[in-house]
C-alpha atoms as a PDB file:
ATOM      1  CA  UNK A   1       0.004  -0.056  -0.033  1.00  0.00           C
ATOM      2  CA  UNK A   2       1.300   3.402  -0.890  1.00  0.00           C
ATOM      3  CA  UNK A   3       1.865   5.934   1.912  1.00  0.00           C
ATOM      4  CA  UNK A   4       2.571   9.651   1.748  1.00  0.00           C
ATOM      5  CA  UNK A   5       0.893  12.700   0.276  1.00  0.00           C
ATOM      6  CA  UNK A   6      -1.260  12.802  -2.863  1.00  0.00           C
ATOM      7  CA  UNK A   7      -1.516  15.909  -4.990  1.00  0.00           C
ATOM      8  CA  UNK A   8      -4.473  14.673  -7.136  1.00  0.00           C
ATOM      9  CA  UNK A   9      -5.818  18.026  -8.240  1.00  0.00           C
ATOM     10  CA  UNK A  10      -2.351  19.282  -9.119  1.00  0.00           C
ATOM     11  CA  UNK A  11      -1.644  16.124 -11.111  1.00  0.00           C
ATOM     12  CA  UNK A  12      -5.006  16.661 -13.010  1.00  0.00           C
ATOM     13  CA  UNK A  13      -4.253  20.203 -14.018  1.00  0.00           C
ATOM     14  CA  UNK A  14      -0.626  19.179 -14.850  1.00  0.00           C
ATOM     15  CA  UNK A  15      -1.899  16.312 -17.154  1.00  0.00           C
ATOM     16  CA  UNK A  16      -4.542  18.624 -18.802  1.00  0.00           C
ATOM     17  CA  UNK A  17      -1.751  21.221 -19.455  1.00  0.00           C
ATOM     18  CA  UNK A  18       0.131  18.636 -21.528  1.00  0.00           C
ATOM     19  CA  UNK A  19      -2.952  18.167 -23.761  1.00  0.00           C
ATOM     20  CA  UNK A  20      -2.911  21.803 -24.843  1.00  0.00           C
ATOM     21  CA  UNK A  21      -2.273  22.027 -28.621  1.00  0.00           C
ATOM     22  CA  UNK A  22      -2.938  18.329 -29.117  1.00  0.00           C
ATOM     23  CA  UNK A  23      -5.505  17.782 -31.915  1.00  0.00           C
ATOM     24  CA  UNK A  24      -8.174  15.015 -32.019  1.00  0.00           C
ATOM     25  CA  UNK A  25      -9.991  13.263 -29.256  1.00  0.00           C
ATOM     26  CA  UNK A  26      -8.410  13.555 -25.962  1.00  0.00           C
ATOM     27  CA  UNK A  27      -9.200  11.560 -22.798  1.00  0.00           C
ATOM     28  CA  UNK A  28      -7.657  10.889 -19.327  1.00  0.00           C
ATOM     29  CA  UNK A  29      -8.410   7.752 -17.465  1.00  0.00           C
ATOM     30  CA  UNK A  30      -7.734   8.597 -13.794  1.00  0.00           C
ATOM     31  CA  UNK A  31      -7.291   5.570 -11.455  1.00  0.00           C
ATOM     32  CA  UNK A  32      -7.328   6.862  -7.803  1.00  0.00           C
ATOM     33  CA  UNK A  33      -8.611   6.398  -4.367  1.00  0.00           C
ATOM     34  CA  UNK A  34      -9.732  10.005  -4.807  1.00  0.00           C
ATOM     35  CA  UNK A  35      -8.090  11.352  -1.759  1.00  0.00           C
ATOM     36  CA  UNK A  36      -6.070  14.561  -2.173  1.00  0.00           C
ATOM     37  CA  UNK A  37      -3.865  15.403   0.832  1.00  0.00           C
ATOM     38  CA  UNK A  38      -1.463  17.940  -0.525  1.00  0.00           C
ATOM     39  CA  UNK A  39      -2.503  19.848  -3.663  1.00  0.00           C
ATOM     40  CA  UNK A  40      -1.756  23.552  -4.061  1.00  0.00           C
ATOM     41  CA  UNK A  41      -4.658  23.843  -6.445  1.00  0.00           C
ATOM     42  CA  UNK A  42      -8.134  23.513  -4.818  1.00  0.00           C
ATOM     43  CA  UNK A  43     -10.653  21.111  -6.367  1.00  0.00           C
ATOM     44  CA  UNK A  44     -12.968  23.897  -7.700  1.00  0.00           C
ATOM     45  CA  UNK A  45      -9.932  25.414  -9.712  1.00  0.00           C
ATOM     46  CA  UNK A  46      -8.937  22.017 -11.043  1.00  0.00           C
ATOM     47  CA  UNK A  47     -12.607  21.323 -12.083  1.00  0.00           C
ATOM     48  CA  UNK A  48     -12.658  24.685 -13.869  1.00  0.00           C
ATOM     49  CA  UNK A  49      -9.455  23.988 -15.671  1.00  0.00           C
ATOM     50  CA  UNK A  50     -10.889  20.611 -16.728  1.00  0.00           C
ATOM     51  CA  UNK A  51     -14.105  22.265 -17.929  1.00  0.00           C
ATOM     52  CA  UNK A  52     -12.071  24.640 -20.181  1.00  0.00           C
ATOM     53  CA  UNK A  53      -9.584  21.973 -21.497  1.00  0.00           C
ATOM     54  CA  UNK A  54     -11.988  20.030 -23.638  1.00  0.00           C
ATOM     55  CA  UNK A  55     -10.406  16.700 -22.399  1.00  0.00           C
ATOM     56  CA  UNK A  56     -12.822  13.998 -21.317  1.00  0.00           C
ATOM     57  CA  UNK A  57     -11.968  12.575 -17.868  1.00  0.00           C
ATOM     58  CA  UNK A  58     -12.919   9.032 -16.764  1.00  0.00           C
ATOM     59  CA  UNK A  59     -12.238   8.757 -13.143  1.00  0.00           C
ATOM     60  CA  UNK A  60     -11.941   5.208 -11.668  1.00  0.00           C
ATOM     61  CA  UNK A  61     -12.392   5.286  -7.939  1.00  0.00           C
ATOM     62  CA  UNK A  62     -10.741   2.272  -6.326  1.00  0.00           C
ATOM     63  CA  UNK A  63     -12.151   1.447  -2.887  1.00  0.00           C
ATOM     64  CA  UNK A  64     -13.886   4.768  -2.514  1.00  0.00           C
ATOM     65  CA  UNK A  65     -16.534   5.091   0.144  1.00  0.00           C
ATOM     66  CA  UNK A  66     -20.246   5.267  -0.761  1.00  0.00           C
ATOM     67  CA  UNK A  67     -20.688   8.950   0.219  1.00  0.00           C
ATOM     68  CA  UNK A  68     -18.624  12.094   0.703  1.00  0.00           C
ATOM     69  CA  UNK A  69     -16.626  14.636  -1.224  1.00  0.00           C
ATOM     70  CA  UNK A  70     -14.184  12.087  -2.795  1.00  0.00           C
ATOM     71  CA  UNK A  71     -17.016  10.307  -4.745  1.00  0.00           C
ATOM     72  CA  UNK A  72     -18.727  13.554  -5.537  1.00  0.00           C
ATOM     73  CA  UNK A  73     -15.392  15.216  -6.843  1.00  0.00           C
ATOM     74  CA  UNK A  74     -14.646  12.274  -9.088  1.00  0.00           C
ATOM     75  CA  UNK A  75     -18.234  12.184 -10.290  1.00  0.00           C
ATOM     76  CA  UNK A  76     -18.093  16.079 -10.962  1.00  0.00           C
ATOM     77  CA  UNK A  77     -14.902  15.653 -13.035  1.00  0.00           C
ATOM     78  CA  UNK A  78     -16.583  13.003 -15.243  1.00  0.00           C
ATOM     79  CA  UNK A  79     -19.835  14.849 -15.629  1.00  0.00           C
ATOM     80  CA  UNK A  80     -18.327  18.300 -16.342  1.00  0.00           C
ATOM     81  CA  UNK A  81     -16.002  16.848 -19.090  1.00  0.00           C
ATOM     82  CA  UNK A  82     -18.364  14.276 -20.748  1.00  0.00           C
ATOM     83  CA  UNK A  83     -16.784  11.270 -19.249  1.00  0.00           C
ATOM     84  CA  UNK A  84     -18.153   8.673 -16.823  1.00  0.00           C
ATOM     85  CA  UNK A  85     -17.117   7.823 -13.225  1.00  0.00           C
ATOM     86  CA  UNK A  86     -16.522   4.277 -12.152  1.00  0.00           C
ATOM     87  CA  UNK A  87     -16.313   3.039  -8.579  1.00  0.00           C
ATOM     88  CA  UNK A  88     -14.854  -0.306  -7.950  1.00  0.00           C
ATOM     89  CA  UNK A  89     -13.928  -2.306  -4.787  1.00  0.00           C
ATOM     90  CA  UNK A  90     -11.222  -4.609  -6.262  1.00  0.00           C
ATOM     91  CA  UNK A  91      -8.411  -4.317  -8.792  1.00  0.00           C
ATOM     92  CA  UNK A  92      -9.694  -7.419 -10.538  1.00  0.00           C
ATOM     93  CA  UNK A  93     -12.711  -5.248 -11.825  1.00  0.00           C
ATOM     94  CA  UNK A  94     -10.459  -2.958 -13.751  1.00  0.00           C
ATOM     95  CA  UNK A  95     -10.372  -4.947 -16.984  1.00  0.00           C
ATOM     96  CA  UNK A  96     -14.191  -4.678 -17.310  1.00  0.00           C
ATOM     97  CA  UNK A  97     -14.088  -0.921 -16.572  1.00  0.00           C
ATOM     98  CA  UNK A  98     -11.315  -0.352 -19.142  1.00  0.00           C
ATOM     99  CA  UNK A  99     -13.317  -2.331 -21.754  1.00  0.00           C
ATOM    100  CA  UNK A 100     -16.343  -0.088 -21.132  1.00  0.00           C
ATOM    101  CA  UNK A 101     -14.210   3.156 -21.456  1.00  0.00           C
ATOM    102  CA  UNK A 102     -12.673   1.829 -24.670  1.00  0.00           C
ATOM    103  CA  UNK A 103     -16.078   1.012 -26.106  1.00  0.00           C
ATOM    104  CA  UNK A 104     -17.334   4.571 -25.229  1.00  0.00           C
ATOM    105  CA  UNK A 105     -14.376   6.167 -26.762  1.00  0.00           C
ATOM    106  CA  UNK A 106     -14.743   4.206 -30.019  1.00  0.00           C
ATOM    107  CA  UNK A 107     -18.482   5.057 -30.288  1.00  0.00           C
ATOM    108  CA  UNK A 108     -18.460   8.852 -29.916  1.00  0.00           C
ATOM    109  CA  UNK A 109     -20.088  11.390 -32.258  1.00  0.00           C
ATOM    110  CA  UNK A 110     -19.310  14.977 -32.710  1.00  0.00           C
ATOM    111  CA  UNK A 111     -22.144  17.410 -32.666  1.00  0.00           C
ATOM    112  CA  UNK A 112     -21.627  21.025 -33.690  1.00  0.00           C
ATOM    113  CA  UNK A 113     -23.817  24.074 -33.837  1.00  0.00           C
ATOM    114  CA  UNK A 114     -23.556  27.736 -34.388  1.00  0.00           C
ATOM    115  CA  UNK A 115     -25.084  30.472 -32.173  1.00  0.00           C
ATOM    116  CA  UNK A 116     -26.428  33.816 -33.305  1.00  0.00           C
ATOM    117  CA  UNK A 117     -25.815  35.102 -29.712  1.00  0.00           C
ATOM    118  CA  UNK A 118     -22.506  37.022 -29.428  1.00  0.00           C
ATOM    119  CA  UNK A 119     -20.135  35.615 -26.876  1.00  0.00           C
ATOM    120  CA  UNK A 120     -19.671  37.498 -23.561  1.00  0.00           C
ATOM    121  CA  UNK A 121     -16.345  37.579 -21.842  1.00  0.00           C
ATOM    122  CA  UNK A 122     -16.120  34.662 -19.374  1.00  0.00           C
ATOM    123  CA  UNK A 123     -19.498  33.383 -20.326  1.00  0.00           C
ATOM    124  CA  UNK A 124     -20.192  29.734 -19.598  1.00  0.00           C
ATOM    125  CA  UNK A 125     -22.885  28.197 -21.947  1.00  0.00           C
ATOM    126  CA  UNK A 126     -24.681  25.069 -20.859  1.00  0.00           C
ATOM    127  CA  UNK A 127     -25.364  22.286 -23.297  1.00  0.00           C
ATOM    128  CA  UNK A 128     -28.380  19.989 -23.371  1.00  0.00           C
ATOM    129  CA  UNK A 129     -28.820  17.158 -25.914  1.00  0.00           C
ATOM    130  CA  UNK A 130     -32.148  15.520 -26.247  1.00  0.00           C
ATOM    131  CA  UNK A 131     -32.590  12.344 -28.144  1.00  0.00           C
ATOM    132  CA  UNK A 132     -35.796  11.636 -30.117  1.00  0.00           C
ATOM    133  CA  UNK A 133     -35.680   7.773 -29.410  1.00  0.00           C
ATOM    134  CA  UNK A 134     -36.487   6.739 -25.931  1.00  0.00           C
ATOM    135  CA  UNK A 135     -34.254   4.417 -24.126  1.00  0.00           C
ATOM    136  CA  UNK A 136     -31.062   6.072 -25.322  1.00  0.00           C
ATOM    137  CA  UNK A 137     -28.853   8.538 -23.365  1.00  0.00           C
ATOM    138  CA  UNK A 138     -26.374  10.939 -24.684  1.00  0.00           C
ATOM    139  CA  UNK A 139     -23.412  11.771 -22.408  1.00  0.00           C
ATOM    140  CA  UNK A 140     -22.134  15.335 -23.178  1.00  0.00           C
ATOM    141  CA  UNK A 141     -20.019  17.929 -21.526  1.00  0.00           C
ATOM    142  CA  UNK A 142     -22.142  20.176 -19.248  1.00  0.00           C
ATOM    143  CA  UNK A 143     -21.210  23.313 -21.179  1.00  0.00           C
ATOM    144  CA  UNK A 144     -18.414  25.345 -22.766  1.00  0.00           C
ATOM    145  CA  UNK A 145     -16.859  28.699 -22.957  1.00  0.00           C
ATOM    146  CA  UNK A 146     -17.186  30.363 -26.462  1.00  0.00           C
END
């Protein structure tokens, strides 16, 4: 078992920084117990950086409790970036999770639209995708900055 400090939020921002200027689909699979004990960057700032990055984050929480901020933070990272959070108890479950993530990444579609409304400085625009067929679900980013 690893001991010591974990700077999870710093690591997320650092990883996202290296995606800048990279074209194409970009995703991070984050395997963690979710605990952050020593980041200089607070969670809300890391989440905002993730929101602006355009990189999908798939957090995989290993042996994370049922409630609390750890589960919530990992879920928020996924939801805000268009990813999906997974919570598992044992390492043996990882192969199945990675298979689901791979399938999702291979079955993505790009939707684009143009807005007549001029962009305001610092404005965050929410996105809602509705499907005509029932029983299907679209996972999207929660919004974007124009």
